[in-house]
Amino acid sequence: IVRQGAGKPKLRYATHRAVDGRSEIITAATVTPGDVNEAHLLVPLVEAHRLTTTRTADTVVADSKYGTQANFLACADRGIRAHLPDLSAVAARRTVARKLFPETAFRYEPATETYTCPAGNSLKRKSVHQARQSADYAAPPSVCAACALRSQCTTNRAGRTITRHLRQDVLDQMRTQAHAPPAKRDLRIRQHLMERSFA
C-alpha cells in the first residue's frame, strides 16, 4: 500500500518489461510496489534480457523516466546505445520558464577546467562530491553580486553554481546519440511495441 502525491494510500504495483524489438517477445519482466522509481530497473532488465536470450542488447529504448545520468553511463559502460529521452532537458525547460539562463549558456573551458558565464566571468571548481560523481563550479560571491546579468542568472544570494558530472564527456556523447534521428524513430516504435506487450 503506497501513497502517490497528495492522494489516499492505495494498493499499487507496477510491471516492468523488456521486449525484444525484432521478435516482439517479452524477454524480462518484474513487478514492484507502485512507489518504486522505475529508472533503477533499467540495468536489471537489461541483465535479465541477456540471461534469457544469451545475447547482449545493442540498443535500449525506454520512456523519459529512464533518461537519468546513471542509466546513460550504465549503457555507455556496457557498449549499449541509449535511446532515452533526456531528463536534463526537462530541468533546462524549468530554468528557462523561471526566466533564468540555462546551463547550456555557460561555456566549459577544458584547458582551464572552468566555465565562462554569459557575462564573461569565470566559474572555478569549488567542490567535488564523490558520492554523486560531480563537481560544483562558481564565481566568487562578490563577482556574482556585482554582475549586471544577475537577475537573469540566479535568485541564490550566494550566486550561480554549475554542477558538472566527473564523466560529463561520456554523458554528452550519450545525450547527443539520444537526440539523433535513429533514437527519435525508435522512441516512436517503442510506444506501440510496449502497448502491445500489455495485451
C-alpha atoms as a PDB file:
ATOM      1  CA  ILE A   1       0.000   0.000   0.000  1.00  0.00           C
ATOM      2  CA  VAL A   2       1.638   3.249  -1.123  1.00  0.00           C
ATOM      3  CA  ARG A   3       0.771   6.906  -1.353  1.00  0.00           C
ATOM      4  CA  GLN A   4       1.425   8.842  -4.577  1.00  0.00           C
ATOM      5  CA  GLY A   5       1.355  12.626  -4.316  1.00  0.00           C
ATOM      6  CA  ALA A   6      -1.400  14.032  -2.121  1.00  0.00           C
ATOM      7  CA  GLY A   7      -3.811  11.170  -2.835  1.00  0.00           C
ATOM      8  CA  LYS A   8      -5.005   8.474  -0.469  1.00  0.00           C
ATOM      9  CA  PRO A   9      -2.844   5.388   0.141  1.00  0.00           C
ATOM     10  CA  LYS A  10      -3.858   2.589  -2.213  1.00  0.00           C
ATOM     11  CA  LEU A  11      -2.764  -0.852  -3.243  1.00  0.00           C
ATOM     12  CA  ARG A  12      -0.457  -0.098  -6.168  1.00  0.00           C
ATOM     13  CA  TYR A  13       2.016  -2.143  -8.146  1.00  0.00           C
ATOM     14  CA  ALA A  14       3.889  -1.667 -11.387  1.00  0.00           C
ATOM     15  CA  THR A  15       5.036  -4.119 -14.029  1.00  0.00           C
ATOM     16  CA  HIS A  16       8.264  -3.533 -15.905  1.00  0.00           C
ATOM     17  CA  ARG A  17       9.147  -5.405 -19.066  1.00  0.00           C
ATOM     18  CA  ALA A  18      11.913  -5.762 -21.602  1.00  0.00           C
ATOM     19  CA  VAL A  19      10.679  -6.550 -25.111  1.00  0.00           C
ATOM     20  CA  ASP A  20      12.891  -7.670 -27.979  1.00  0.00           C
ATOM     21  CA  GLY A  21      12.317  -5.196 -30.801  1.00  0.00           C
ATOM     22  CA  ARG A  22      12.710  -7.705 -33.632  1.00  0.00           C
ATOM     23  CA  SER A  23      10.608 -10.602 -32.334  1.00  0.00           C
ATOM     24  CA  GLU A  24       8.283  -8.556 -30.062  1.00  0.00           C
ATOM     25  CA  ILE A  25       8.775 -11.211 -27.375  1.00  0.00           C
ATOM     26  CA  ILE A  26       8.900 -10.201 -23.703  1.00  0.00           C
ATOM     27  CA  THR A  27      12.367 -11.266 -22.546  1.00  0.00           C
ATOM     28  CA  ALA A  28      12.305  -9.961 -18.964  1.00  0.00           C
ATOM     29  CA  ALA A  29       9.640  -8.908 -16.507  1.00  0.00           C
ATOM     30  CA  THR A  30       9.430  -7.813 -12.894  1.00  0.00           C
ATOM     31  CA  VAL A  31       6.736  -6.484 -10.582  1.00  0.00           C
ATOM     32  CA  THR A  32       7.399  -3.839  -7.919  1.00  0.00           C
ATOM     33  CA  PRO A  33       5.411  -1.745  -5.454  1.00  0.00           C
ATOM     34  CA  GLY A  34       3.901   1.306  -7.159  1.00  0.00           C
ATOM     35  CA  ASP A  35       6.273   3.752  -5.468  1.00  0.00           C
ATOM     36  CA  VAL A  36       9.498   2.208  -6.825  1.00  0.00           C
ATOM     37  CA  ASN A  37      11.472   4.515  -9.118  1.00  0.00           C
ATOM     38  CA  GLU A  38      11.494   2.600 -12.381  1.00  0.00           C
ATOM     39  CA  ALA A  39      14.689   4.324 -13.515  1.00  0.00           C
ATOM     40  CA  HIS A  40      16.565   1.969 -11.171  1.00  0.00           C
ATOM     41  CA  LEU A  41      15.240  -1.069 -13.051  1.00  0.00           C
ATOM     42  CA  LEU A  42      16.870  -0.425 -16.423  1.00  0.00           C
ATOM     43  CA  VAL A  43      20.096  -2.304 -15.701  1.00  0.00           C
ATOM     44  CA  PRO A  44      18.364  -5.291 -14.003  1.00  0.00           C
ATOM     45  CA  LEU A  45      16.034  -5.628 -17.005  1.00  0.00           C
ATOM     46  CA  VAL A  46      18.952  -5.408 -19.445  1.00  0.00           C
ATOM     47  CA  GLU A  47      20.801  -8.104 -17.466  1.00  0.00           C
ATOM     48  CA  ALA A  48      17.682 -10.305 -17.286  1.00  0.00           C
ATOM     49  CA  HIS A  49      17.276  -9.948 -21.078  1.00  0.00           C
ATOM     50  CA  ARG A  50      20.887 -11.082 -21.533  1.00  0.00           C
ATOM     51  CA  LEU A  51      20.394 -14.130 -19.297  1.00  0.00           C
ATOM     52  CA  THR A  52      17.132 -15.097 -21.018  1.00  0.00           C
ATOM     53  CA  THR A  53      18.333 -14.676 -24.594  1.00  0.00           C
ATOM     54  CA  THR A  54      22.118 -15.224 -24.143  1.00  0.00           C
ATOM     55  CA  ARG A  55      22.510 -12.021 -26.180  1.00  0.00           C
ATOM     56  CA  THR A  56      23.558  -8.556 -25.102  1.00  0.00           C
ATOM     57  CA  ALA A  57      21.275  -5.743 -26.184  1.00  0.00           C
ATOM     58  CA  ASP A  58      22.886  -3.318 -28.620  1.00  0.00           C
ATOM     59  CA  THR A  59      20.278  -0.563 -28.097  1.00  0.00           C
ATOM     60  CA  VAL A  60      17.996   0.237 -25.177  1.00  0.00           C
ATOM     61  CA  VAL A  61      14.818   2.246 -25.822  1.00  0.00           C
ATOM     62  CA  ALA A  62      12.698   3.455 -22.902  1.00  0.00           C
ATOM     63  CA  ASP A  63      10.474   6.334 -21.843  1.00  0.00           C
ATOM     64  CA  SER A  64      11.544   9.579 -20.179  1.00  0.00           C
ATOM     65  CA  LYS A  65      11.562   8.191 -16.621  1.00  0.00           C
ATOM     66  CA  TYR A  66      14.637   6.156 -17.545  1.00  0.00           C
ATOM     67  CA  GLY A  67      16.643   9.070 -19.002  1.00  0.00           C
ATOM     68  CA  THR A  68      18.920   9.569 -15.982  1.00  0.00           C
ATOM     69  CA  GLN A  69      22.647  10.181 -15.815  1.00  0.00           C
ATOM     70  CA  ALA A  70      23.142   6.807 -14.138  1.00  0.00           C
ATOM     71  CA  ASN A  71      21.332   4.971 -16.944  1.00  0.00           C
ATOM     72  CA  PHE A  72      23.191   6.794 -19.718  1.00  0.00           C
ATOM     73  CA  LEU A  73      26.511   5.931 -18.063  1.00  0.00           C
ATOM     74  CA  ALA A  74      25.480   2.314 -17.361  1.00  0.00           C
ATOM     75  CA  CYS A  75      24.676   1.890 -21.049  1.00  0.00           C
ATOM     76  CA  ALA A  76      27.953   3.535 -22.078  1.00  0.00           C
ATOM     77  CA  ASP A  77      29.895   1.149 -19.818  1.00  0.00           C
ATOM     78  CA  ARG A  78      28.170  -1.822 -21.473  1.00  0.00           C
ATOM     79  CA  GLY A  79      28.620  -0.555 -25.029  1.00  0.00           C
ATOM     80  CA  ILE A  80      24.859  -0.143 -25.441  1.00  0.00           C
ATOM     81  CA  ARG A  81      23.231   2.708 -27.365  1.00  0.00           C
ATOM     82  CA  ALA A  82      20.772   4.510 -25.075  1.00  0.00           C
ATOM     83  CA  HIS A  83      17.769   5.867 -26.959  1.00  0.00           C
ATOM     84  CA  LEU A  84      16.213   7.525 -23.909  1.00  0.00           C
ATOM     85  CA  PRO A  85      14.542  10.925 -23.588  1.00  0.00           C
ATOM     86  CA  ASP A  86      16.959  13.095 -21.621  1.00  0.00           C
ATOM     87  CA  LEU A  87      15.717  14.167 -18.170  1.00  0.00           C
ATOM     88  CA  SER A  88      18.233  17.054 -18.114  1.00  0.00           C
ATOM     89  CA  ALA A  89      16.182  18.696 -20.902  1.00  0.00           C
ATOM     90  CA  VAL A  90      13.215  18.839 -18.510  1.00  0.00           C
ATOM     91  CA  ALA A  91      15.337  20.625 -15.894  1.00  0.00           C
ATOM     92  CA  ALA A  92      16.577  23.063 -18.555  1.00  0.00           C
ATOM     93  CA  ARG A  93      12.996  23.915 -19.551  1.00  0.00           C
ATOM     94  CA  ARG A  94      12.146  24.619 -15.895  1.00  0.00           C
ATOM     95  CA  THR A  95      15.111  27.015 -15.657  1.00  0.00           C
ATOM     96  CA  VAL A  96      14.036  28.834 -18.828  1.00  0.00           C
ATOM     97  CA  ALA A  97      10.461  29.045 -17.516  1.00  0.00           C
ATOM     98  CA  ARG A  98      11.862  30.875 -14.479  1.00  0.00           C
ATOM     99  CA  LYS A  99      13.472  33.313 -16.962  1.00  0.00           C
ATOM    100  CA  LEU A 100      16.998  32.303 -15.956  1.00  0.00           C
ATOM    101  CA  PHE A 101      19.963  31.298 -18.114  1.00  0.00           C
ATOM    102  CA  PRO A 102      20.026  27.509 -18.708  1.00  0.00           C
ATOM    103  CA  GLU A 103      23.266  25.635 -18.016  1.00  0.00           C
ATOM    104  CA  THR A 104      23.890  25.484 -21.768  1.00  0.00           C
ATOM    105  CA  ALA A 105      24.514  29.256 -21.652  1.00  0.00           C
ATOM    106  CA  PHE A 106      27.669  28.550 -19.614  1.00  0.00           C
ATOM    107  CA  ARG A 107      30.660  27.518 -21.762  1.00  0.00           C
ATOM    108  CA  TYR A 108      33.032  24.897 -20.394  1.00  0.00           C
ATOM    109  CA  GLU A 109      36.743  25.546 -20.996  1.00  0.00           C
ATOM    110  CA  PRO A 110      38.595  22.171 -20.920  1.00  0.00           C
ATOM    111  CA  ALA A 111      42.059  23.746 -20.915  1.00  0.00           C
ATOM    112  CA  THR A 112      41.431  25.623 -17.661  1.00  0.00           C
ATOM    113  CA  GLU A 113      38.673  23.381 -16.262  1.00  0.00           C
ATOM    114  CA  THR A 114      36.444  26.398 -15.741  1.00  0.00           C
ATOM    115  CA  TYR A 115      33.103  27.679 -17.009  1.00  0.00           C
ATOM    116  CA  THR A 116      32.524  31.082 -18.576  1.00  0.00           C
ATOM    117  CA  CYS A 117      29.152  32.627 -17.767  1.00  0.00           C
ATOM    118  CA  PRO A 118      27.050  34.773 -20.161  1.00  0.00           C
ATOM    119  CA  ALA A 119      28.588  37.904 -18.588  1.00  0.00           C
ATOM    120  CA  GLY A 120      32.109  36.636 -19.311  1.00  0.00           C
ATOM    121  CA  ASN A 121      33.027  35.789 -15.713  1.00  0.00           C
ATOM    122  CA  SER A 122      34.959  32.653 -14.832  1.00  0.00           C
ATOM    123  CA  LEU A 123      33.459  29.920 -12.644  1.00  0.00           C
ATOM    124  CA  LYS A 124      36.106  27.735 -10.988  1.00  0.00           C
ATOM    125  CA  ARG A 125      35.738  24.328  -9.400  1.00  0.00           C
ATOM    126  CA  LYS A 126      34.886  24.840  -5.736  1.00  0.00           C
ATOM    127  CA  SER A 127      33.938  21.351  -4.528  1.00  0.00           C
ATOM    128  CA  VAL A 128      33.841  17.705  -5.588  1.00  0.00           C
ATOM    129  CA  HIS A 129      31.150  15.246  -4.487  1.00  0.00           C
ATOM    130  CA  GLN A 130      32.480  11.706  -4.860  1.00  0.00           C
ATOM    131  CA  ALA A 131      29.182  10.089  -3.838  1.00  0.00           C
ATOM    132  CA  ARG A 132      27.300  11.640  -6.753  1.00  0.00           C
ATOM    133  CA  GLN A 133      30.387  11.855  -9.008  1.00  0.00           C
ATOM    134  CA  SER A 134      30.106  15.578  -9.695  1.00  0.00           C
ATOM    135  CA  ALA A 135      31.878  18.892  -9.146  1.00  0.00           C
ATOM    136  CA  ASP A 136      30.428  22.341  -8.447  1.00  0.00           C
ATOM    137  CA  TYR A 137      31.683  25.440 -10.238  1.00  0.00           C
ATOM    138  CA  ALA A 138      31.075  29.037  -9.120  1.00  0.00           C
ATOM    139  CA  ALA A 139      32.419  32.559  -9.356  1.00  0.00           C
ATOM    140  CA  PRO A 140      33.318  34.422  -6.141  1.00  0.00           C
ATOM    141  CA  PRO A 141      30.118  35.729  -4.465  1.00  0.00           C
ATOM    142  CA  SER A 142      31.335  39.307  -4.840  1.00  0.00           C
ATOM    143  CA  VAL A 143      31.616  38.862  -8.623  1.00  0.00           C
ATOM    144  CA  CYS A 144      28.068  37.487  -8.866  1.00  0.00           C
ATOM    145  CA  ALA A 145      26.726  40.224  -6.592  1.00  0.00           C
ATOM    146  CA  ALA A 146      28.115  42.950  -8.859  1.00  0.00           C
ATOM    147  CA  CYS A 147      27.093  41.294 -12.155  1.00  0.00           C
ATOM    148  CA  ALA A 148      24.722  43.258 -14.395  1.00  0.00           C
ATOM    149  CA  LEU A 149      23.092  39.991 -15.584  1.00  0.00           C
ATOM    150  CA  ARG A 150      22.487  38.597 -12.096  1.00  0.00           C
ATOM    151  CA  SER A 151      18.674  38.858 -12.306  1.00  0.00           C
ATOM    152  CA  GLN A 152      18.760  36.675 -15.460  1.00  0.00           C
ATOM    153  CA  CYS A 153      21.126  34.170 -13.869  1.00  0.00           C
ATOM    154  CA  THR A 154      20.169  33.288 -10.320  1.00  0.00           C
ATOM    155  CA  THR A 155      17.970  34.015  -7.322  1.00  0.00           C
ATOM    156  CA  ASN A 156      20.519  32.462  -4.942  1.00  0.00           C
ATOM    157  CA  ARG A 157      22.162  35.008  -2.649  1.00  0.00           C
ATOM    158  CA  ALA A 158      25.496  33.160  -2.885  1.00  0.00           C
ATOM    159  CA  GLY A 159      25.456  33.300  -6.715  1.00  0.00           C
ATOM    160  CA  ARG A 160      25.073  30.755  -9.519  1.00  0.00           C
ATOM    161  CA  THR A 161      26.547  27.258  -9.222  1.00  0.00           C
ATOM    162  CA  ILE A 162      27.027  24.921 -12.184  1.00  0.00           C
ATOM    163  CA  THR A 163      27.255  21.184 -11.484  1.00  0.00           C
ATOM    164  CA  ARG A 164      29.341  19.034 -13.821  1.00  0.00           C
ATOM    165  CA  HIS A 165      29.486  15.257 -13.733  1.00  0.00           C
ATOM    166  CA  LEU A 166      33.013  13.816 -13.472  1.00  0.00           C
ATOM    167  CA  ARG A 167      32.208  11.817 -16.642  1.00  0.00           C
ATOM    168  CA  GLN A 168      30.471  14.693 -18.404  1.00  0.00           C
ATOM    169  CA  ASP A 169      32.193  14.000 -21.746  1.00  0.00           C
ATOM    170  CA  VAL A 170      30.684  10.492 -21.847  1.00  0.00           C
ATOM    171  CA  LEU A 171      27.276  11.838 -20.809  1.00  0.00           C
ATOM    172  CA  ASP A 172      27.407  14.451 -23.576  1.00  0.00           C
ATOM    173  CA  GLN A 173      28.170  11.762 -26.178  1.00  0.00           C
ATOM    174  CA  MET A 174      25.300   9.590 -24.981  1.00  0.00           C
ATOM    175  CA  ARG A 175      22.867  12.513 -24.929  1.00  0.00           C
ATOM    176  CA  THR A 176      23.875  13.555 -28.447  1.00  0.00           C
ATOM    177  CA  GLN A 177      23.130   9.986 -29.543  1.00  0.00           C
ATOM    178  CA  ALA A 178      19.764  10.117 -27.742  1.00  0.00           C
ATOM    179  CA  HIS A 179      18.727  13.228 -29.717  1.00  0.00           C
ATOM    180  CA  ALA A 180      19.696  11.803 -33.121  1.00  0.00           C
ATOM    181  CA  PRO A 181      17.044  10.738 -35.699  1.00  0.00           C
ATOM    182  CA  PRO A 182      17.507   6.962 -35.083  1.00  0.00           C
ATOM    183  CA  ALA A 183      16.686   7.470 -31.393  1.00  0.00           C
ATOM    184  CA  LYS A 184      13.576   9.507 -32.192  1.00  0.00           C
ATOM    185  CA  ARG A 185      12.425   6.799 -34.612  1.00  0.00           C
ATOM    186  CA  ASP A 186      12.990   4.081 -32.001  1.00  0.00           C
ATOM    187  CA  LEU A 187      11.039   6.037 -29.378  1.00  0.00           C
ATOM    188  CA  ARG A 188       8.030   6.221 -31.702  1.00  0.00           C
ATOM    189  CA  ILE A 189       8.222   2.465 -32.334  1.00  0.00           C
ATOM    190  CA  ARG A 190       8.629   1.744 -28.588  1.00  0.00           C
ATOM    191  CA  GLN A 191       5.317   3.355 -27.781  1.00  0.00           C
ATOM    192  CA  HIS A 192       3.363   0.890 -29.942  1.00  0.00           C
ATOM    193  CA  LEU A 193       5.600  -2.081 -29.128  1.00  0.00           C
ATOM    194  CA  MET A 194       5.173  -1.667 -25.369  1.00  0.00           C
ATOM    195  CA  GLU A 195       1.422  -1.047 -25.616  1.00  0.00           C
ATOM    196  CA  ARG A 196       1.043  -4.387 -27.435  1.00  0.00           C
ATOM    197  CA  SER A 197       3.018  -6.100 -24.688  1.00  0.00           C
ATOM    198  CA  PHE A 198       0.358  -5.026 -22.165  1.00  0.00           C
ATOM    199  CA  ALA A 199      -2.203  -7.049 -24.115  1.00  0.00           C
END
